[in-house]
Amino acid sequence: MSFNHREEHIDDQMLIMQANLDDMNPEWVSYIMDKLFDRGANDVYVVPIIMKKGRPGMMLNVLVDAGRLGEMEDVIFSETTTLGIRYIHASCHRLARDFERVDTPWGPLTVKAGYHQGKLVQFAPEFKECEQIAKQHQVPLKVVYDEVRRNFMEKQKLS
């Protein structure tokens, strides 16, 4: 299912999939997260938990459109140590989103902006672009972020 993310909307056919993981190398988590995102997960996060008998573990949480359930199950069961998955039905209120370019001393960079009822309420520079510029020009990442945010706000004042 594809939505126009330029329009604020509610997705009603979402699932939160949860799997408790123990006896698994935590270094595997970023690999598993990447696979889940590549297969269409909307969000993936891990929470540290204490399992029975005081064993440390992790709870894998995957937010996904219900139509992609099988793809997520394939990754979770083949790549983790879990023996089961919980499913929680969810609705997600999504802000309208737009991607805007702003000029910086290092060239144009992208900002993701979020709108609620037509009003700008969130914005953030695109991390990977800022990271690349910071490495390429050997400047602190926070300097790049600050410059992009400042230039975006200036652009908004002029609009």
C-alpha atoms as a PDB file:
ATOM      1  CA  MET A   1       0.000   0.000   0.000  1.00  0.00           C
ATOM      2  CA  SER A   2       1.450   3.358  -0.985  1.00  0.00           C
ATOM      3  CA  PHE A   3       0.425   6.668   0.495  1.00  0.00           C
ATOM      4  CA  ASN A   4       1.074  10.195  -0.641  1.00  0.00           C
ATOM      5  CA  HIS A   5       3.166  11.386   2.277  1.00  0.00           C
ATOM      6  CA  ARG A   6       2.599  15.006   1.260  1.00  0.00           C
ATOM      7  CA  GLU A   7      -0.854  14.582   2.821  1.00  0.00           C
ATOM      8  CA  GLU A   8      -1.373  14.117   6.544  1.00  0.00           C
ATOM      9  CA  HIS A   9      -3.138  10.792   7.100  1.00  0.00           C
ATOM     10  CA  ILE A  10      -3.767   7.843   9.393  1.00  0.00           C
ATOM     11  CA  ASP A  11      -2.600   4.354   8.436  1.00  0.00           C
ATOM     12  CA  ASP A  12      -5.020   1.860  10.023  1.00  0.00           C
ATOM     13  CA  GLN A  13      -3.563  -1.383   8.702  1.00  0.00           C
ATOM     14  CA  MET A  14      -0.342  -1.376  10.700  1.00  0.00           C
ATOM     15  CA  LEU A  15       1.136  -4.037  12.968  1.00  0.00           C
ATOM     16  CA  ILE A  16       3.690  -3.849  15.722  1.00  0.00           C
ATOM     17  CA  MET A  17       5.580  -7.121  15.703  1.00  0.00           C
ATOM     18  CA  GLN A  18       7.488  -7.992  18.871  1.00  0.00           C
ATOM     19  CA  ALA A  19      10.026 -10.751  19.367  1.00  0.00           C
ATOM     20  CA  ASN A  20      12.048 -11.418  22.507  1.00  0.00           C
ATOM     21  CA  LEU A  21      15.650 -12.270  21.728  1.00  0.00           C
ATOM     22  CA  ASP A  22      18.096 -13.986  24.040  1.00  0.00           C
ATOM     23  CA  ASP A  23      21.149 -16.105  23.424  1.00  0.00           C
ATOM     24  CA  MET A  24      21.843 -13.887  20.408  1.00  0.00           C
ATOM     25  CA  ASN A  25      24.893 -11.777  19.699  1.00  0.00           C
ATOM     26  CA  PRO A  26      23.759  -8.125  19.997  1.00  0.00           C
ATOM     27  CA  GLU A  27      26.151  -7.207  17.175  1.00  0.00           C
ATOM     28  CA  TRP A  28      23.712  -8.882  14.782  1.00  0.00           C
ATOM     29  CA  VAL A  29      20.969  -6.326  15.532  1.00  0.00           C
ATOM     30  CA  SER A  30      22.037  -3.625  13.052  1.00  0.00           C
ATOM     31  CA  TYR A  31      22.265  -6.237  10.269  1.00  0.00           C
ATOM     32  CA  ILE A  32      18.778  -7.531  11.101  1.00  0.00           C
ATOM     33  CA  MET A  33      17.375  -3.992  11.291  1.00  0.00           C
ATOM     34  CA  ASP A  34      18.795  -3.185   7.851  1.00  0.00           C
ATOM     35  CA  LYS A  35      17.194  -6.326   6.390  1.00  0.00           C
ATOM     36  CA  LEU A  36      13.821  -5.428   7.900  1.00  0.00           C
ATOM     37  CA  PHE A  37      14.003  -1.868   6.547  1.00  0.00           C
ATOM     38  CA  ASP A  38      15.050  -3.196   3.127  1.00  0.00           C
ATOM     39  CA  ARG A  39      11.931  -5.422   3.129  1.00  0.00           C
ATOM     40  CA  GLY A  40       9.612  -2.495   3.926  1.00  0.00           C
ATOM     41  CA  ALA A  41       9.477  -2.039   7.699  1.00  0.00           C
ATOM     42  CA  ASN A  42       8.360   1.467   8.660  1.00  0.00           C
ATOM     43  CA  ASP A  43      10.270   1.447  11.939  1.00  0.00           C
ATOM     44  CA  VAL A  44      12.497  -0.990  13.800  1.00  0.00           C
ATOM     45  CA  TYR A  45      13.841  -0.613  17.322  1.00  0.00           C
ATOM     46  CA  VAL A  46      15.240  -2.762  20.101  1.00  0.00           C
ATOM     47  CA  VAL A  47      14.637  -2.426  23.841  1.00  0.00           C
ATOM     48  CA  PRO A  48      16.826  -4.119  26.472  1.00  0.00           C
ATOM     49  CA  ILE A  49      14.776  -6.445  28.720  1.00  0.00           C
ATOM     50  CA  ILE A  50      15.291  -8.897  31.563  1.00  0.00           C
ATOM     51  CA  MET A  51      13.835 -12.284  30.699  1.00  0.00           C
ATOM     52  CA  LYS A  52      12.915 -15.235  32.939  1.00  0.00           C
ATOM     53  CA  LYS A  53      15.596 -16.469  35.314  1.00  0.00           C
ATOM     54  CA  GLY A  54      17.148 -12.979  35.154  1.00  0.00           C
ATOM     55  CA  ARG A  55      18.619 -13.490  31.686  1.00  0.00           C
ATOM     56  CA  PRO A  56      19.378 -10.320  29.724  1.00  0.00           C
ATOM     57  CA  GLY A  57      17.637 -10.067  26.389  1.00  0.00           C
ATOM     58  CA  MET A  58      16.274  -7.669  23.799  1.00  0.00           C
ATOM     59  CA  MET A  59      12.783  -7.014  22.529  1.00  0.00           C
ATOM     60  CA  LEU A  60      12.738  -6.449  18.772  1.00  0.00           C
ATOM     61  CA  ASN A  61       9.880  -4.166  17.677  1.00  0.00           C
ATOM     62  CA  VAL A  62       8.905  -3.789  14.025  1.00  0.00           C
ATOM     63  CA  LEU A  63       6.223  -1.404  12.767  1.00  0.00           C
ATOM     64  CA  VAL A  64       4.941  -2.550   9.399  1.00  0.00           C
ATOM     65  CA  ASP A  65       1.949  -2.455   7.088  1.00  0.00           C
ATOM     66  CA  ALA A  66      -0.039  -5.654   7.668  1.00  0.00           C
ATOM     67  CA  GLY A  67       0.417  -6.587   3.993  1.00  0.00           C
ATOM     68  CA  ARG A  68       4.144  -7.096   4.590  1.00  0.00           C
ATOM     69  CA  LEU A  69       3.721  -9.459   7.548  1.00  0.00           C
ATOM     70  CA  GLY A  70       5.121 -12.499   5.747  1.00  0.00           C
ATOM     71  CA  GLU A  71       8.277 -10.696   4.644  1.00  0.00           C
ATOM     72  CA  MET A  72       8.971  -9.541   8.207  1.00  0.00           C
ATOM     73  CA  GLU A  73       8.325 -13.025   9.608  1.00  0.00           C
ATOM     74  CA  ASP A  74      10.824 -14.490   7.132  1.00  0.00           C
ATOM     75  CA  VAL A  75      13.562 -12.139   8.321  1.00  0.00           C
ATOM     76  CA  ILE A  76      12.774 -12.430  12.033  1.00  0.00           C
ATOM     77  CA  PHE A  77      12.557 -16.238  12.091  1.00  0.00           C
ATOM     78  CA  SER A  78      15.576 -16.794   9.830  1.00  0.00           C
ATOM     79  CA  GLU A  79      17.901 -14.151  11.287  1.00  0.00           C
ATOM     80  CA  THR A  80      17.121 -14.110  15.036  1.00  0.00           C
ATOM     81  CA  THR A  81      16.947 -16.589  17.904  1.00  0.00           C
ATOM     82  CA  THR A  82      13.263 -16.003  18.682  1.00  0.00           C
ATOM     83  CA  LEU A  83      10.765 -18.827  18.921  1.00  0.00           C
ATOM     84  CA  GLY A  84       7.713 -16.594  18.565  1.00  0.00           C
ATOM     85  CA  ILE A  85       6.339 -13.218  17.498  1.00  0.00           C
ATOM     86  CA  ARG A  86       3.574 -11.105  19.069  1.00  0.00           C
ATOM     87  CA  TYR A  87       1.318  -8.975  16.863  1.00  0.00           C
ATOM     88  CA  ILE A  88      -0.345  -5.772  17.998  1.00  0.00           C
ATOM     89  CA  HIS A  89      -2.684  -3.964  15.611  1.00  0.00           C
ATOM     90  CA  ALA A  90      -1.916  -0.258  15.369  1.00  0.00           C
ATOM     91  CA  SER A  91      -2.998   2.941  13.689  1.00  0.00           C
ATOM     92  CA  CYS A  92      -0.351   5.532  12.879  1.00  0.00           C
ATOM     93  CA  HIS A  93      -1.065   9.233  12.459  1.00  0.00           C
ATOM     94  CA  ARG A  94       1.467  10.457   9.928  1.00  0.00           C
ATOM     95  CA  LEU A  95       2.304  14.074   9.383  1.00  0.00           C
ATOM     96  CA  ALA A  96       2.390  15.474   5.885  1.00  0.00           C
ATOM     97  CA  ARG A  97       6.021  15.359   4.764  1.00  0.00           C
ATOM     98  CA  ASP A  98       8.052  17.275   2.277  1.00  0.00           C
ATOM     99  CA  PHE A  99      11.712  17.291   1.372  1.00  0.00           C
ATOM    100  CA  GLU A 100      13.232  20.705   0.804  1.00  0.00           C
ATOM    101  CA  ARG A 101      16.706  21.680  -0.359  1.00  0.00           C
ATOM    102  CA  VAL A 102      18.654  24.424   1.374  1.00  0.00           C
ATOM    103  CA  ASP A 103      21.890  26.074   0.324  1.00  0.00           C
ATOM    104  CA  THR A 104      24.936  25.608   2.540  1.00  0.00           C
ATOM    105  CA  PRO A 105      28.642  26.429   2.177  1.00  0.00           C
ATOM    106  CA  TRP A 106      29.089  22.800   1.071  1.00  0.00           C
ATOM    107  CA  GLY A 107      26.301  22.835  -1.512  1.00  0.00           C
ATOM    108  CA  PRO A 108      22.562  22.120  -1.328  1.00  0.00           C
ATOM    109  CA  LEU A 109      21.399  19.682   1.369  1.00  0.00           C
ATOM    110  CA  THR A 110      18.013  18.124   2.113  1.00  0.00           C
ATOM    111  CA  VAL A 111      15.681  18.792   5.039  1.00  0.00           C
ATOM    112  CA  LYS A 112      12.677  16.592   5.838  1.00  0.00           C
ATOM    113  CA  ALA A 113       9.813  18.796   7.030  1.00  0.00           C
ATOM    114  CA  GLY A 114       6.668  17.608   8.821  1.00  0.00           C
ATOM    115  CA  TYR A 115       3.345  19.474   8.705  1.00  0.00           C
ATOM    116  CA  HIS A 116       0.328  19.126  11.009  1.00  0.00           C
ATOM    117  CA  GLN A 117      -2.864  20.691   9.693  1.00  0.00           C
ATOM    118  CA  GLY A 118      -0.743  22.602   7.175  1.00  0.00           C
ATOM    119  CA  LYS A 119       1.613  24.078   9.778  1.00  0.00           C
ATOM    120  CA  LEU A 120       5.338  23.234   9.968  1.00  0.00           C
ATOM    121  CA  VAL A 121       5.872  21.388  13.268  1.00  0.00           C
ATOM    122  CA  GLN A 122       9.002  19.257  12.679  1.00  0.00           C
ATOM    123  CA  PHE A 123      12.082  19.408  10.528  1.00  0.00           C
ATOM    124  CA  ALA A 124      15.431  17.673  10.406  1.00  0.00           C
ATOM    125  CA  PRO A 125      18.412  17.590   8.082  1.00  0.00           C
ATOM    126  CA  GLU A 126      18.900  14.296   6.252  1.00  0.00           C
ATOM    127  CA  PHE A 127      21.503  12.492   8.349  1.00  0.00           C
ATOM    128  CA  LYS A 128      23.358  10.587   5.622  1.00  0.00           C
ATOM    129  CA  GLU A 129      23.890  13.740   3.549  1.00  0.00           C
ATOM    130  CA  CYS A 130      25.177  15.649   6.579  1.00  0.00           C
ATOM    131  CA  GLU A 131      27.413  12.753   7.572  1.00  0.00           C
ATOM    132  CA  GLN A 132      28.903  12.600   4.073  1.00  0.00           C
ATOM    133  CA  ILE A 133      29.578  16.360   4.040  1.00  0.00           C
ATOM    134  CA  ALA A 134      31.139  16.259   7.529  1.00  0.00           C
ATOM    135  CA  LYS A 135      33.515  13.492   6.450  1.00  0.00           C
ATOM    136  CA  GLN A 136      34.272  14.992   3.058  1.00  0.00           C
ATOM    137  CA  HIS A 137      35.011  18.484   4.387  1.00  0.00           C
ATOM    138  CA  GLN A 138      36.404  17.369   7.767  1.00  0.00           C
ATOM    139  CA  VAL A 139      33.999  19.497   9.793  1.00  0.00           C
ATOM    140  CA  PRO A 140      32.068  18.386  12.878  1.00  0.00           C
ATOM    141  CA  LEU A 141      28.698  16.813  12.085  1.00  0.00           C
ATOM    142  CA  LYS A 142      26.997  19.171  14.550  1.00  0.00           C
ATOM    143  CA  VAL A 143      28.359  22.166  12.596  1.00  0.00           C
ATOM    144  CA  VAL A 144      26.796  20.820   9.392  1.00  0.00           C
ATOM    145  CA  TYR A 145      23.480  20.119  11.185  1.00  0.00           C
ATOM    146  CA  ASP A 146      23.403  23.594  12.739  1.00  0.00           C
ATOM    147  CA  GLU A 147      24.113  25.258   9.380  1.00  0.00           C
ATOM    148  CA  VAL A 148      21.391  23.270   7.593  1.00  0.00           C
ATOM    149  CA  ARG A 149      18.840  24.000  10.351  1.00  0.00           C
ATOM    150  CA  ARG A 150      19.727  27.718  10.395  1.00  0.00           C
ATOM    151  CA  ASN A 151      19.463  28.012   6.609  1.00  0.00           C
ATOM    152  CA  PHE A 152      16.155  26.144   6.581  1.00  0.00           C
ATOM    153  CA  MET A 153      14.683  28.503   9.181  1.00  0.00           C
ATOM    154  CA  GLU A 154      15.887  31.512   7.175  1.00  0.00           C
ATOM    155  CA  LYS A 155      14.272  30.070   4.065  1.00  0.00           C
ATOM    156  CA  GLN A 156      10.984  29.633   5.994  1.00  0.00           C
ATOM    157  CA  LYS A 157      11.020  33.279   7.116  1.00  0.00           C
ATOM    158  CA  LEU A 158      11.412  34.399   3.508  1.00  0.00           C
ATOM    159  CA  SER A 159       8.519  32.227   2.288  1.00  0.00           C
END
